[in-house]
Amino acid sequence: MKNRSLGFICCCFLFSASMWGQEPLSSDLNQQVTQIAKMIKDNPKGAEEGFDGLLKGKNKKNIPLLLSIGKAYLDAGNADMAKEYAERARKADSKSASVYMFLGDIALAGKDAGAACGNYEQAIFFDEDCYEAYYKYARAYAGVNPQLSVDMLMKLKERHPEELNVDRELANAYYLMGNYSKAKSAYDDFMQKGTPNVQDYGRYAMLLYLNKDYQHSLDMAGKGLAMEADNHLLKRLMMYGLYELKSYPAGLQAANEFFKDPNNPDFVYLDYLYRARLYLANGNNDEAIAEFEKALKADEKKEHPEVAKEMSDAYGKMLKYPDAIRMYQVYMDMLGDKKEVSDLFLFGRLYYQAAGALAPTNTADSTAVAAAPVDTVMIKKQQNEYLTQADTIFAEVSQRVPDNYLGYFWRARTNAMLDPETTLGLAKPYYEAALAQLEKNPNASKSLLIECESYLGYYYFLKEEYEQSKVYWTKILEIDPENATAKQAMEGLQ
């Protein structure tokens, strides 16, 4: 859950790039291009005439000048004119890496990653040391085909192992591939050899968190916060890491610091979920429920059913079973067709636990119950409703996995609670079915076997079928020769 659900909150690893490599213009020409560029939108004809004036005489084939003019048009949103000047530059020098870099930038601005990367490859063909071509190729394909990004960056790394920024870019590509271990390794090299900034500490701390190296993640977040005390990502990672390390009081303090500005638009569902966990761990149940509600609301696309599941678990720990059941139903609805048998089983067990909590000996607040009039009929009715729901769910479990004992076993327990005096023998067929499955497994739990056999031994004792009753008590003694209940039953049956 955690690893995939962080995609939208951790950094995108889009590293800023310098302008494609080219010879610099003279300061005089640069100033003139900048001045004329201001007219592109309001006086396009005047701008065109101004640029034509710069390109007269010896500047007619000045590649840096042509590309600077083209870039001015691209910055102004006029890709057609930008391409026209790029083509003029290509005619002047068809082997210039800078020309193909700019053609790639134009294609990328038009969201044509394939054409952009084709031009970046051409730039590399004409200049194998054109770093920016490697980087831009890698970035263009990062979200489309990260493996191509990795391949290109590895070429640069092999050619220039001293180029530390390659490791930054590799971390990005591996991250997008979901390979957090390799992403972390790539950043390891840079963090050890390079000069990391705040952004690097944030990215690295996030990768360490995703790799569950929480202490190291906290250390890096701390270093980053020493450089920029109000960094949103680093404060978030402090809260996450402290929870994972079970430093709950410090984690709640970090959460309060992180949420200091309640109007911050950059809070996401996982932020509220972690704060809910921290409140819960610190015994602040009401505050925890409020944060769970915020997490559910922040999950606008309903892509994270685990929030409802955790909220249900929290209610269960508080013994608020009606709310626990309600939230588990929300969880099941969010799962839709993705529901697994284990989800179904846990839902049935929750109904069973709710029924058990209604039994007089299991009442959560016996003092309050004793002080108030108790409608035992209503309680019994509610308990039977919970048990009926549990039985229905466990029946579906046994149908879906007929070779597994769980559905039968919990259906037996449910029916045993429905028939506490064993007068109807409601649990008998299910304990028999569970026992049949358990006996097939040489490593089956002894306690489960004994529970099944105890019920069946007692059932046959009540039916006065003493020989059949002995069969099950004998089996128990074979498993546990000192079992007091079985020994007592056998003595009574002699």
Protein backbone atom coordinates (compact mmCIF):
# COMPACT_ATOMS: atom_id res chain seq x y z
CA MET A 1 0.00 0.00 0.00
CA LYS A 2 2.42 2.57 1.07
CA ASN A 3 4.90 2.16 -1.74
CA ARG A 4 2.47 2.69 -4.61
CA SER A 5 0.04 5.02 -2.81
CA LEU A 6 3.16 7.73 -2.47
CA GLY A 7 3.53 8.33 -6.15
CA PHE A 8 1.71 11.63 -6.13
CA ILE A 9 3.24 13.08 -2.96
CA CYS A 10 6.90 12.34 -3.48
CA CYS A 11 8.98 14.44 -5.79
CA CYS A 12 8.69 13.86 -9.50
CA PHE A 13 12.47 14.01 -9.87
CA LEU A 14 12.21 16.47 -12.77
CA PHE A 15 15.57 18.12 -12.55
CA SER A 16 16.08 21.60 -13.90
CA ALA A 17 18.22 21.82 -16.98
CA SER A 18 20.45 24.44 -18.42
CA MET A 19 19.99 25.57 -22.00
CA TRP A 20 21.18 23.17 -24.66
CA GLY A 21 24.89 23.42 -25.19
CA GLN A 22 25.89 26.06 -27.68
CA GLU A 23 28.43 28.82 -28.07
CA PRO A 24 27.39 31.94 -26.17
CA LEU A 25 26.33 35.04 -28.03
CA SER A 26 28.23 38.26 -27.54
CA SER A 27 26.67 40.36 -24.81
CA ASP A 28 25.74 43.00 -27.38
CA LEU A 29 23.84 40.58 -29.65
CA ASN A 30 22.23 38.93 -26.62
CA GLN A 31 20.89 42.27 -25.42
CA GLN A 32 19.51 43.07 -28.86
CA VAL A 33 17.74 39.69 -29.16
CA THR A 34 16.22 40.17 -25.70
CA GLN A 35 15.00 43.65 -26.58
CA ILE A 36 13.47 42.65 -29.92
CA ALA A 37 11.87 39.55 -28.36
CA LYS A 38 9.63 41.81 -26.26
CA MET A 39 7.80 42.78 -29.48
CA ILE A 40 6.98 39.22 -30.63
CA LYS A 41 3.45 39.13 -29.23
CA ASP A 42 2.36 42.76 -29.58
CA ASN A 43 4.26 43.68 -32.75
CA PRO A 44 5.20 40.45 -34.56
CA LYS A 45 6.09 42.22 -37.82
CA GLY A 46 8.36 44.65 -36.02
CA ALA A 47 10.06 41.77 -34.24
CA GLU A 48 10.60 39.93 -37.50
CA GLU A 49 12.11 43.02 -39.11
CA GLY A 50 14.33 43.56 -36.07
CA PHE A 51 15.64 40.00 -36.17
CA ASP A 52 16.21 40.23 -39.94
CA GLY A 53 18.30 43.30 -39.27
CA LEU A 54 20.50 41.34 -36.85
CA LEU A 55 21.03 38.55 -39.38
CA LYS A 56 22.48 40.68 -42.14
CA GLY A 57 25.98 40.34 -43.43
CA LYS A 58 28.34 38.12 -41.46
CA ASN A 59 25.58 37.14 -39.04
CA LYS A 60 23.48 35.50 -41.76
CA LYS A 61 24.75 32.04 -40.80
CA ASN A 62 25.50 32.76 -37.15
CA ILE A 63 24.24 29.55 -35.53
CA PRO A 64 24.07 30.82 -31.92
CA LEU A 65 22.19 33.91 -33.12
CA LEU A 66 19.70 31.92 -35.20
CA LEU A 67 19.04 29.56 -32.32
CA SER A 68 18.69 32.41 -29.80
CA ILE A 69 16.07 34.04 -32.03
CA GLY A 70 14.34 30.68 -32.44
CA LYS A 71 14.32 30.21 -28.67
CA ALA A 72 12.79 33.67 -28.23
CA TYR A 73 9.93 32.60 -30.50
CA LEU A 74 9.56 29.27 -28.69
CA ASP A 75 9.43 31.05 -25.33
CA ALA A 76 6.69 33.28 -26.76
CA GLY A 77 4.68 30.22 -27.78
CA ASN A 78 5.30 30.50 -31.53
CA ALA A 79 6.63 27.04 -32.39
CA ASP A 80 6.28 27.56 -36.16
CA MET A 81 8.63 30.55 -36.22
CA ALA A 82 10.97 28.77 -33.80
CA LYS A 83 11.17 25.85 -36.21
CA GLU A 84 11.77 28.18 -39.15
CA TYR A 85 14.89 29.62 -37.48
CA ALA A 86 16.02 26.13 -36.42
CA GLU A 87 15.82 25.00 -40.05
CA ARG A 88 17.78 28.03 -41.17
CA ALA A 89 20.44 27.08 -38.62
CA ARG A 90 20.45 23.49 -39.88
CA LYS A 91 20.99 24.67 -43.45
CA ALA A 92 23.90 26.71 -42.24
CA ASP A 93 25.41 23.73 -40.39
CA SER A 94 23.75 20.30 -40.76
CA LYS A 95 26.17 18.72 -38.26
CA SER A 96 25.62 21.08 -35.35
CA ALA A 97 24.59 19.30 -32.15
CA SER A 98 23.10 22.57 -30.89
CA VAL A 99 20.71 22.71 -33.85
CA TYR A 100 19.36 19.24 -33.17
CA MET A 101 19.09 20.01 -29.47
CA PHE A 102 16.85 22.96 -30.31
CA LEU A 103 14.79 20.93 -32.78
CA GLY A 104 14.31 18.41 -29.98
CA ASP A 105 13.16 21.17 -27.63
CA ILE A 106 10.61 22.36 -30.19
CA ALA A 107 9.24 18.83 -30.58
CA LEU A 108 9.11 18.39 -26.82
CA ALA A 109 7.19 21.63 -26.44
CA GLY A 110 4.67 20.09 -28.84
CA LYS A 111 4.50 16.98 -26.63
CA ASP A 112 6.06 14.79 -29.32
CA ALA A 113 8.54 12.83 -27.20
CA GLY A 114 9.47 10.48 -30.05
CA ALA A 115 10.48 13.29 -32.40
CA ALA A 116 12.25 15.12 -29.60
CA CYS A 117 14.34 12.11 -28.68
CA GLY A 118 15.14 11.44 -32.32
CA ASN A 119 16.67 14.91 -32.50
CA TYR A 120 18.51 14.46 -29.20
CA GLU A 121 20.01 11.24 -30.59
CA GLN A 122 21.15 13.20 -33.64
CA ALA A 123 22.81 15.72 -31.34
CA ILE A 124 24.66 12.88 -29.60
CA PHE A 125 25.64 11.43 -32.97
CA PHE A 126 27.36 14.69 -33.88
CA ASP A 127 28.73 15.33 -30.38
CA GLU A 128 29.06 12.33 -28.07
CA ASP A 129 29.88 14.66 -25.19
CA CYS A 130 26.70 16.71 -25.49
CA TYR A 131 25.57 16.08 -21.91
CA GLU A 132 22.29 17.93 -22.25
CA ALA A 133 21.20 15.67 -25.11
CA TYR A 134 21.56 12.60 -22.88
CA TYR A 135 19.72 14.28 -20.03
CA LYS A 136 16.88 15.65 -22.14
CA TYR A 137 16.43 12.33 -23.89
CA ALA A 138 16.20 10.63 -20.49
CA ARG A 139 13.69 13.17 -19.16
CA ALA A 140 11.54 13.01 -22.29
CA TYR A 141 11.16 9.24 -22.00
CA ALA A 142 11.07 9.13 -18.18
CA GLY A 143 7.28 8.97 -17.95
CA VAL A 144 6.81 7.02 -21.19
CA ASN A 145 9.50 4.37 -21.22
CA PRO A 146 11.84 4.70 -18.23
CA GLN A 147 14.01 1.82 -19.43
CA LEU A 148 15.05 3.90 -22.47
CA SER A 149 15.96 6.68 -20.04
CA VAL A 150 18.14 4.27 -18.06
CA ASP A 151 19.82 2.95 -21.20
CA MET A 152 20.73 6.44 -22.39
CA LEU A 153 22.00 7.55 -18.99
CA MET A 154 24.13 4.43 -18.65
CA LYS A 155 25.78 5.34 -21.94
CA LEU A 156 26.68 8.73 -20.52
CA LYS A 157 27.86 7.20 -17.25
CA GLU A 158 30.13 4.77 -19.09
CA ARG A 159 31.57 7.59 -21.15
CA HIS A 160 31.85 10.06 -18.29
CA PRO A 161 31.88 8.25 -14.91
CA GLU A 162 32.87 11.50 -13.24
CA GLU A 163 29.56 13.15 -14.22
CA LEU A 164 27.73 13.00 -10.86
CA ASN A 165 24.43 14.40 -12.15
CA VAL A 166 23.89 11.14 -14.05
CA ASP A 167 23.16 9.44 -10.75
CA ARG A 168 20.46 12.01 -9.99
CA GLU A 169 18.78 11.31 -13.31
CA LEU A 170 19.13 7.54 -12.94
CA ALA A 171 17.39 7.79 -9.59
CA ASN A 172 14.47 9.47 -11.35
CA ALA A 173 14.22 6.81 -14.05
CA TYR A 174 14.45 3.91 -11.60
CA TYR A 175 11.87 5.55 -9.37
CA LEU A 176 9.42 5.83 -12.27
CA MET A 177 10.03 2.15 -13.01
CA GLY A 178 9.03 1.37 -9.44
CA ASN A 179 12.51 0.07 -8.69
CA TYR A 180 13.08 2.00 -5.46
CA SER A 181 16.10 -0.06 -4.47
CA LYS A 182 18.05 0.89 -7.62
CA ALA A 183 16.81 4.47 -7.36
CA LYS A 184 18.21 4.65 -3.85
CA SER A 185 21.54 3.12 -4.95
CA ALA A 186 21.86 5.69 -7.72
CA TYR A 187 21.27 8.51 -5.27
CA ASP A 188 23.69 6.94 -2.77
CA ASP A 189 26.56 7.69 -5.13
CA PHE A 190 25.54 11.28 -5.67
CA MET A 191 24.91 11.99 -1.98
CA GLN A 192 28.34 10.63 -1.07
CA LYS A 193 30.32 12.34 -3.82
CA GLY A 194 28.29 15.36 -4.84
CA THR A 195 27.11 18.50 -3.09
CA PRO A 196 23.47 17.85 -2.23
CA ASN A 197 20.98 20.68 -1.86
CA VAL A 198 17.66 20.74 0.00
CA GLN A 199 15.85 19.21 -2.94
CA ASP A 200 18.34 16.35 -3.03
CA TYR A 201 17.86 15.67 0.68
CA GLY A 202 14.11 15.53 0.11
CA ARG A 203 14.36 13.12 -2.80
CA TYR A 204 16.89 10.91 -1.08
CA ALA A 205 14.95 10.85 2.19
CA MET A 206 11.84 9.84 0.22
CA LEU A 207 13.68 6.95 -1.45
CA LEU A 208 15.04 5.80 1.89
CA TYR A 209 11.50 5.89 3.27
CA LEU A 210 10.19 3.87 0.33
CA ASN A 211 12.95 1.34 0.98
CA LYS A 212 11.84 1.23 4.65
CA ASP A 213 15.17 2.57 5.87
CA TYR A 214 13.31 4.88 8.23
CA GLN A 215 16.14 5.94 10.52
CA HIS A 216 18.38 6.92 7.62
CA SER A 217 15.44 8.73 6.03
CA LEU A 218 14.94 10.71 9.23
CA ASP A 219 18.64 11.58 9.34
CA MET A 220 18.53 12.94 5.77
CA ALA A 221 15.30 14.82 6.43
CA GLY A 222 16.93 16.40 9.48
CA LYS A 223 19.92 17.57 7.42
CA GLY A 224 17.61 19.03 4.81
CA LEU A 225 15.53 20.83 7.44
CA ALA A 226 18.72 22.33 8.85
CA MET A 227 19.11 24.01 5.46
CA GLU A 228 15.44 24.91 4.99
CA ALA A 229 13.39 24.65 8.17
CA ASP A 230 9.99 25.01 6.49
CA ASN A 231 10.45 22.45 3.69
CA HIS A 232 7.06 20.77 3.21
CA LEU A 233 8.32 17.41 1.93
CA LEU A 234 10.98 17.07 4.62
CA LYS A 235 8.50 17.90 7.40
CA ARG A 236 6.15 15.28 5.97
CA LEU A 237 8.91 12.66 5.99
CA MET A 238 9.76 13.47 9.60
CA MET A 239 6.16 12.72 10.56
CA TYR A 240 6.06 9.49 8.54
CA GLY A 241 9.43 8.23 9.74
CA LEU A 242 8.78 8.88 13.42
CA TYR A 243 5.55 6.90 13.23
CA GLU A 244 7.26 3.99 11.50
CA LEU A 245 9.95 3.98 14.20
CA LYS A 246 7.19 3.95 16.86
CA SER A 247 8.31 7.32 18.26
CA TYR A 248 4.67 8.27 18.69
CA PRO A 249 4.86 11.38 20.95
CA ALA A 250 7.63 12.90 18.79
CA GLY A 251 5.71 11.86 15.68
CA LEU A 252 2.58 13.66 16.85
CA GLN A 253 4.64 16.76 17.57
CA ALA A 254 6.09 16.55 14.04
CA ALA A 255 2.57 16.11 12.66
CA ASN A 256 1.36 19.24 14.46
CA GLU A 257 4.32 21.13 13.02
CA PHE A 258 3.57 19.78 9.54
CA PHE A 259 -0.11 20.77 9.76
CA LYS A 260 0.63 24.18 11.26
CA ASP A 261 -1.04 25.88 8.28
CA PRO A 262 -4.47 24.19 7.90
CA ASN A 263 -5.06 25.91 4.55
CA ASN A 264 -2.00 24.44 2.85
CA PRO A 265 -3.24 22.96 -0.46
CA ASP A 266 -0.45 20.37 -0.54
CA PHE A 267 -1.89 18.06 2.11
CA VAL A 268 -2.80 14.63 0.73
CA TYR A 269 -4.75 11.66 2.03
CA LEU A 270 -1.64 9.92 3.39
CA ASP A 271 -0.78 12.95 5.52
CA TYR A 272 -4.13 12.73 7.30
CA LEU A 273 -3.81 8.94 7.55
CA TYR A 274 -0.45 9.18 9.28
CA ARG A 275 -1.76 11.81 11.67
CA ALA A 276 -4.72 9.52 12.43
CA ARG A 277 -2.31 6.68 13.18
CA LEU A 278 -0.27 8.91 15.46
CA TYR A 279 -3.34 10.13 17.34
CA LEU A 280 -4.49 6.53 17.74
CA ALA A 281 -1.07 5.41 18.99
CA ASN A 282 -1.10 8.26 21.54
CA GLY A 283 -4.58 7.35 22.77
CA ASN A 284 -6.37 10.31 21.18
CA ASN A 285 -9.21 8.29 19.69
CA ASP A 286 -11.64 11.09 18.81
CA GLU A 287 -8.91 13.10 17.08
CA ALA A 288 -7.83 9.96 15.21
CA ILE A 289 -11.34 9.38 13.84
CA ALA A 290 -11.53 13.00 12.67
CA GLU A 291 -8.26 12.55 10.75
CA PHE A 292 -9.48 9.30 9.19
CA GLU A 293 -12.50 11.22 7.93
CA LYS A 294 -10.22 13.86 6.40
CA ALA A 295 -8.13 11.13 4.73
CA LEU A 296 -11.26 9.62 3.18
CA LYS A 297 -12.36 13.04 1.93
CA ALA A 298 -8.92 13.80 0.48
CA ASP A 299 -9.04 10.51 -1.47
CA GLU A 300 -11.38 12.08 -4.02
CA LYS A 301 -11.05 9.31 -6.61
CA LYS A 302 -11.61 6.59 -4.00
CA GLU A 303 -8.38 4.85 -4.95
CA HIS A 304 -7.25 3.97 -1.42
CA PRO A 305 -9.69 1.60 0.29
CA GLU A 306 -7.09 0.87 2.96
CA VAL A 307 -8.11 4.14 4.66
CA ALA A 308 -11.60 2.77 5.34
CA LYS A 309 -10.05 -0.53 6.45
CA GLU A 310 -7.76 1.18 8.97
CA MET A 311 -10.66 3.28 10.22
CA SER A 312 -12.70 0.10 10.71
CA ASP A 313 -9.80 -1.47 12.63
CA ALA A 314 -9.58 1.64 14.82
CA TYR A 315 -13.28 1.45 15.67
CA GLY A 316 -12.84 -2.25 16.41
CA LYS A 317 -10.04 -1.54 18.89
CA MET A 318 -12.36 0.98 20.55
CA LEU A 319 -15.02 -1.78 20.71
CA LYS A 320 -17.33 0.39 18.60
CA TYR A 321 -18.42 -2.52 16.46
CA PRO A 322 -21.39 -0.93 14.62
CA ASP A 323 -19.02 1.78 13.32
CA ALA A 324 -16.33 -0.81 12.60
CA ILE A 325 -18.81 -2.81 10.51
CA ARG A 326 -20.03 0.32 8.73
CA MET A 327 -16.50 1.33 7.71
CA TYR A 328 -15.59 -2.21 6.70
CA GLN A 329 -18.58 -2.18 4.36
CA VAL A 330 -17.22 1.07 2.86
CA TYR A 331 -13.89 -0.73 2.41
CA MET A 332 -15.57 -3.67 0.66
CA ASP A 333 -17.56 -1.34 -1.59
CA MET A 334 -14.39 0.51 -2.59
CA LEU A 335 -12.65 -2.77 -3.40
CA GLY A 336 -15.43 -3.80 -5.76
CA ASP A 337 -14.32 -6.72 -7.93
CA LYS A 338 -10.89 -6.67 -6.28
CA LYS A 339 -12.21 -8.25 -3.09
CA GLU A 340 -10.25 -11.30 -1.99
CA VAL A 341 -11.35 -14.22 0.17
CA SER A 342 -9.24 -12.85 3.03
CA ASP A 343 -11.24 -9.59 2.92
CA LEU A 344 -14.46 -11.56 3.08
CA PHE A 345 -13.19 -13.70 5.96
CA LEU A 346 -12.18 -10.67 8.04
CA PHE A 347 -15.60 -9.12 7.48
CA GLY A 348 -17.25 -12.28 8.81
CA ARG A 349 -14.95 -12.32 11.82
CA LEU A 350 -15.80 -8.69 12.55
CA TYR A 351 -19.51 -9.58 12.74
CA TYR A 352 -18.59 -12.51 15.01
CA GLN A 353 -16.60 -10.22 17.31
CA ALA A 354 -19.48 -7.74 17.40
CA ALA A 355 -21.83 -10.54 18.47
CA GLY A 356 -19.37 -11.69 21.12
CA ALA A 357 -19.15 -8.16 22.54
CA LEU A 358 -22.90 -8.24 23.17
CA ALA A 359 -22.66 -11.28 25.41
CA PRO A 360 -23.06 -10.27 29.11
CA THR A 361 -19.58 -11.50 30.08
CA ASN A 362 -17.97 -9.61 27.18
CA THR A 363 -19.71 -6.26 27.65
CA ALA A 364 -17.14 -3.50 27.19
CA ASP A 365 -18.48 -1.31 30.01
CA SER A 366 -20.05 -3.62 32.57
CA THR A 367 -20.43 -0.82 35.12
CA ALA A 368 -22.51 1.30 32.75
CA VAL A 369 -24.62 -1.71 31.74
CA ALA A 370 -25.27 -2.65 35.37
CA ALA A 371 -26.39 0.88 36.16
CA ALA A 372 -28.86 1.08 33.26
CA PRO A 373 -31.92 -1.02 32.42
CA VAL A 374 -30.91 -3.65 29.88
CA ASP A 375 -33.31 -4.81 27.19
CA THR A 376 -31.96 -8.34 26.96
CA VAL A 377 -34.42 -9.23 24.21
CA MET A 378 -33.13 -6.44 21.98
CA ILE A 379 -29.54 -7.34 22.75
CA LYS A 380 -30.18 -10.97 21.90
CA LYS A 381 -31.90 -9.95 18.67
CA GLN A 382 -28.95 -7.75 17.68
CA GLN A 383 -26.50 -10.50 18.57
CA ASN A 384 -28.39 -13.02 16.41
CA GLU A 385 -28.40 -10.56 13.51
CA TYR A 386 -24.63 -10.20 13.74
CA LEU A 387 -24.21 -13.99 13.94
CA THR A 388 -26.51 -14.54 10.96
CA GLN A 389 -24.42 -12.10 8.91
CA ALA A 390 -21.22 -13.81 10.05
CA ASP A 391 -22.63 -17.23 9.15
CA THR A 392 -23.62 -16.03 5.67
CA ILE A 393 -20.16 -14.61 5.03
CA PHE A 394 -18.30 -17.67 6.35
CA ALA A 395 -20.54 -19.85 4.17
CA GLU A 396 -19.35 -17.89 1.13
CA VAL A 397 -15.75 -18.30 2.28
CA SER A 398 -16.15 -22.09 2.47
CA GLN A 399 -17.76 -22.12 -0.97
CA ARG A 400 -14.92 -20.13 -2.51
CA VAL A 401 -12.15 -22.15 -0.83
CA PRO A 402 -13.73 -25.55 -0.06
CA ASP A 403 -10.36 -27.16 0.69
CA ASN A 404 -9.56 -24.68 3.46
CA TYR A 405 -10.74 -25.24 7.03
CA LEU A 406 -11.27 -21.53 7.86
CA GLY A 407 -14.77 -21.05 6.46
CA TYR A 408 -16.09 -24.23 8.10
CA PHE A 409 -14.30 -23.59 11.40
CA TRP A 410 -15.60 -20.03 11.85
CA ARG A 411 -19.03 -21.07 10.71
CA ALA A 412 -18.87 -23.69 13.48
CA ARG A 413 -17.92 -21.08 16.08
CA THR A 414 -20.70 -18.78 14.87
CA ASN A 415 -23.33 -21.49 15.10
CA ALA A 416 -22.02 -22.56 18.48
CA MET A 417 -22.73 -19.03 19.74
CA LEU A 418 -26.19 -19.21 18.18
CA ASP A 419 -26.76 -22.49 20.06
CA PRO A 420 -24.85 -21.95 23.34
CA GLU A 421 -26.38 -24.96 25.09
CA THR A 422 -25.67 -27.26 22.11
CA THR A 423 -29.30 -28.34 22.22
CA LEU A 424 -29.73 -28.07 18.45
CA GLY A 425 -26.23 -29.10 17.42
CA LEU A 426 -26.08 -26.23 14.90
CA ALA A 427 -22.27 -26.22 14.88
CA LYS A 428 -21.86 -30.00 14.42
CA PRO A 429 -21.70 -30.23 10.58
CA TYR A 430 -19.24 -27.34 10.41
CA TYR A 431 -16.91 -28.65 13.12
CA GLU A 432 -16.97 -32.00 11.29
CA ALA A 433 -16.10 -30.33 7.98
CA ALA A 434 -13.34 -28.25 9.60
CA LEU A 435 -11.91 -31.32 11.34
CA ALA A 436 -11.86 -33.25 8.06
CA GLN A 437 -9.75 -30.51 6.47
CA LEU A 438 -7.47 -30.10 9.49
CA GLU A 439 -6.74 -33.83 9.73
CA LYS A 440 -5.40 -33.76 6.17
CA ASN A 441 -2.64 -31.42 7.31
CA PRO A 442 0.10 -33.02 9.45
CA ASN A 443 1.07 -29.55 10.70
CA ALA A 444 -2.44 -28.51 11.71
CA SER A 445 -2.80 -26.53 14.92
CA LYS A 446 -3.36 -28.80 17.95
CA SER A 447 -5.62 -26.25 19.59
CA LEU A 448 -7.91 -26.13 16.54
CA LEU A 449 -8.09 -29.92 16.37
CA ILE A 450 -8.92 -30.08 20.08
CA GLU A 451 -11.64 -27.43 19.75
CA CYS A 452 -13.36 -29.39 16.96
CA GLU A 453 -13.06 -32.71 18.81
CA SER A 454 -14.20 -31.22 22.13
CA TYR A 455 -17.40 -29.91 20.60
CA LEU A 456 -18.14 -33.21 18.87
CA GLY A 457 -17.33 -35.24 22.00
CA TYR A 458 -19.64 -33.05 24.06
CA TYR A 459 -22.38 -33.14 21.39
CA TYR A 460 -22.45 -36.96 21.36
CA PHE A 461 -22.32 -37.03 25.17
CA LEU A 462 -25.48 -34.92 25.31
CA LYS A 463 -27.08 -37.25 22.77
CA GLU A 464 -26.10 -40.16 25.04
CA GLU A 465 -24.12 -41.72 22.18
CA TYR A 466 -21.28 -42.49 24.56
CA GLU A 467 -19.16 -44.70 22.35
CA GLN A 468 -19.07 -42.05 19.63
CA SER A 469 -18.30 -39.45 22.28
CA LYS A 470 -15.32 -41.53 23.46
CA VAL A 471 -13.88 -41.50 19.92
CA TYR A 472 -13.32 -37.72 20.07
CA TRP A 473 -12.08 -37.56 23.67
CA THR A 474 -9.62 -40.34 22.82
CA LYS A 475 -8.35 -38.31 19.85
CA ILE A 476 -7.79 -35.35 22.13
CA LEU A 477 -5.76 -37.44 24.57
CA GLU A 478 -3.63 -38.72 21.70
CA ILE A 479 -2.79 -35.07 20.92
CA ASP A 480 -2.56 -33.87 24.53
CA PRO A 481 -2.35 -36.71 27.08
CA GLU A 482 -2.71 -34.26 29.97
CA ASN A 483 -5.83 -32.54 28.67
CA ALA A 484 -7.92 -32.15 31.84
CA THR A 485 -11.30 -31.85 30.08
CA ALA A 486 -10.75 -34.99 28.01
CA LYS A 487 -9.50 -36.97 31.03
CA GLN A 488 -12.52 -35.92 33.06
CA ALA A 489 -14.90 -36.80 30.22
CA MET A 490 -13.35 -40.24 29.78
CA GLU A 491 -13.61 -40.92 33.52
CA GLY A 492 -17.28 -40.03 33.42
CA LEU A 493 -17.85 -42.24 30.38
CA GLN A 494 -16.33 -45.38 31.96
